[in-house]
Amino acid sequence: MTKLTALEDQVIHMLLAGDDNVLSVLREQAKQATVRSREMTGVGFFTYFSVPPKAPRIPGTPKFQLTDVHGTADNVMHGVGFVLFVKDRALLLLEGFTYDEPWPGEITGLKLAYSGGANRDMEEVRRELHKP
């Protein structure tokens, strides 16, 4: 089992930021999780997580994605996007992707931001986290 890359860690940190109980549980899971596997797709990657059974779980049976972190990079013309998938009460996988170009061997000059600008739209995030 491996650890997160610096890019994955930076993206997860942003995707799990905010004052919400669900995000708090997911942050604790992220501290304990390891990388089960990584798959490069040519235009991005999938990083699958293994969350230990003793790590806290989200109540209920939520299934959702967090999608509000995007970025620019010196060596990616059209930018990058990220999706964090949560299923069965725990972190499942992080997807990173480009917009219609190959994923470079190494991202340089990465700058991340939220879809809504400098500040995260927590109302929108809460709608996703707590949808029925």
Protein backbone atom coordinates (compact mmCIF):
# COMPACT_ATOMS: atom_id res chain seq x y z
CA MET A 1 0.00 0.00 0.00
CA THR A 2 1.30 3.43 -0.90
CA LYS A 3 0.71 6.98 0.23
CA LEU A 4 -0.82 9.88 -1.65
CA THR A 5 1.30 11.85 -4.08
CA ALA A 6 1.81 15.55 -3.32
CA LEU A 7 -0.77 16.43 -5.99
CA GLU A 8 -3.35 13.98 -4.63
CA ASP A 9 -2.77 15.24 -1.08
CA GLN A 10 -3.23 18.88 -2.14
CA VAL A 11 -6.43 18.10 -4.06
CA ILE A 12 -7.92 15.94 -1.26
CA HIS A 13 -7.14 18.68 1.26
CA MET A 14 -9.14 21.20 -0.81
CA LEU A 15 -12.00 18.80 -1.59
CA LEU A 16 -12.46 17.96 2.10
CA ALA A 17 -12.13 21.51 3.42
CA GLY A 18 -15.06 23.13 5.16
CA ASP A 19 -17.21 23.13 8.25
CA ASP A 20 -19.50 20.12 7.87
CA ASN A 21 -19.78 16.87 9.86
CA VAL A 22 -19.56 14.72 6.73
CA LEU A 23 -16.38 16.49 5.60
CA SER A 24 -14.95 16.05 9.10
CA VAL A 25 -15.51 12.27 8.94
CA LEU A 26 -14.00 12.14 5.45
CA ARG A 27 -10.93 14.09 6.63
CA GLU A 28 -10.42 11.49 9.36
CA GLN A 29 -10.78 8.70 6.80
CA ALA A 30 -8.23 10.41 4.56
CA LYS A 31 -5.71 10.50 7.43
CA GLN A 32 -6.03 6.75 7.87
CA ALA A 33 -6.49 5.69 4.24
CA THR A 34 -3.85 4.19 2.01
CA VAL A 35 -3.73 3.99 -1.76
CA ARG A 36 -5.02 0.61 -2.93
CA SER A 37 -4.16 1.21 -6.58
CA ARG A 38 -3.55 3.85 -9.25
CA GLU A 39 -4.55 3.73 -12.87
CA MET A 40 -3.26 6.17 -15.48
CA THR A 41 -5.76 6.69 -18.31
CA GLY A 42 -3.72 8.80 -20.72
CA VAL A 43 -5.83 11.89 -19.96
CA GLY A 44 -5.76 11.53 -16.18
CA PHE A 45 -5.75 9.04 -13.34
CA PHE A 46 -7.85 7.05 -10.89
CA THR A 47 -6.52 6.64 -7.34
CA TYR A 48 -8.43 4.02 -5.34
CA PHE A 49 -8.42 4.18 -1.53
CA SER A 50 -8.43 1.58 1.17
CA VAL A 51 -10.05 2.93 4.34
CA PRO A 52 -9.42 0.78 7.44
CA PRO A 53 -12.53 -0.81 8.97
CA LYS A 54 -11.92 1.00 12.29
CA ALA A 55 -11.96 4.45 10.62
CA PRO A 56 -15.18 6.43 11.24
CA ARG A 57 -17.91 6.15 8.63
CA ILE A 58 -20.52 8.60 7.38
CA PRO A 59 -23.99 7.85 8.80
CA GLY A 60 -26.59 6.39 6.47
CA THR A 61 -25.80 5.14 2.99
CA PRO A 62 -24.60 8.19 1.10
CA LYS A 63 -23.16 8.06 -2.39
CA PHE A 64 -21.89 11.33 -3.85
CA GLN A 65 -19.09 13.11 -5.66
CA LEU A 66 -17.23 16.30 -4.83
CA THR A 67 -16.34 18.12 -8.03
CA ASP A 68 -15.61 21.76 -7.21
CA VAL A 69 -11.79 21.78 -7.40
CA HIS A 70 -10.11 22.63 -10.71
CA GLY A 71 -6.68 23.83 -11.65
CA THR A 72 -4.29 25.30 -14.13
CA ALA A 73 -0.76 24.13 -14.80
CA ASP A 74 2.18 25.38 -16.82
CA ASN A 75 2.23 22.26 -18.98
CA VAL A 76 -1.53 21.70 -19.46
CA MET A 77 -3.18 24.05 -21.92
CA HIS A 78 -6.86 23.63 -20.95
CA GLY A 79 -6.56 22.92 -17.22
CA VAL A 80 -7.31 19.98 -14.97
CA GLY A 81 -10.30 18.82 -12.95
CA PHE A 82 -10.87 16.44 -10.08
CA VAL A 83 -13.69 14.28 -8.72
CA LEU A 84 -13.70 12.61 -5.30
CA PHE A 85 -16.09 9.65 -5.15
CA VAL A 86 -17.65 8.57 -1.86
CA LYS A 87 -19.58 5.31 -1.70
CA ASP A 88 -20.69 2.94 1.06
CA ARG A 89 -19.97 5.57 3.74
CA ALA A 90 -16.29 5.98 2.82
CA LEU A 91 -13.78 7.45 0.38
CA LEU A 92 -13.63 5.35 -2.78
CA LEU A 93 -11.47 7.08 -5.38
CA LEU A 94 -10.01 10.32 -6.65
CA GLU A 95 -10.14 11.02 -10.37
CA GLY A 96 -7.92 13.62 -12.00
CA PHE A 97 -8.32 14.59 -15.64
CA THR A 98 -7.37 17.06 -18.33
CA TYR A 99 -9.74 18.71 -20.75
CA ASP A 100 -9.03 17.13 -24.14
CA GLU A 101 -5.25 16.64 -23.91
CA PRO A 102 -2.81 14.07 -22.54
CA TRP A 103 -1.99 14.02 -18.82
CA PRO A 104 1.70 14.96 -18.51
CA GLY A 105 4.20 12.74 -16.71
CA GLU A 106 4.50 15.46 -14.08
CA ILE A 107 2.26 18.49 -13.52
CA THR A 108 4.27 21.71 -13.21
CA GLY A 109 3.13 25.03 -11.81
CA LEU A 110 -0.18 23.68 -10.53
CA LYS A 111 -2.62 26.26 -9.16
CA LEU A 112 -5.86 24.95 -7.67
CA ALA A 113 -9.09 26.87 -7.13
CA TYR A 114 -12.72 26.23 -6.34
CA SER A 115 -15.33 26.39 -9.10
CA GLY A 116 -16.90 29.42 -7.44
CA GLY A 117 -13.61 31.30 -7.13
CA ALA A 118 -11.40 31.94 -4.13
CA ASN A 119 -14.03 30.82 -1.60
CA ARG A 120 -15.80 27.50 -1.60
CA ASP A 121 -19.57 27.54 -2.05
CA MET A 122 -20.41 25.56 1.10
CA GLU A 123 -24.14 25.72 0.48
CA GLU A 124 -23.65 23.90 -2.82
CA VAL A 125 -21.31 21.39 -1.17
CA ARG A 126 -23.82 20.73 1.64
CA ARG A 127 -26.57 20.09 -0.93
CA GLU A 128 -24.38 17.36 -2.43
CA LEU A 129 -23.30 15.91 0.94
CA HIS A 130 -26.78 15.75 2.40
CA LYS A 131 -28.99 15.00 -0.57
CA PRO A 132 -31.71 12.42 0.10
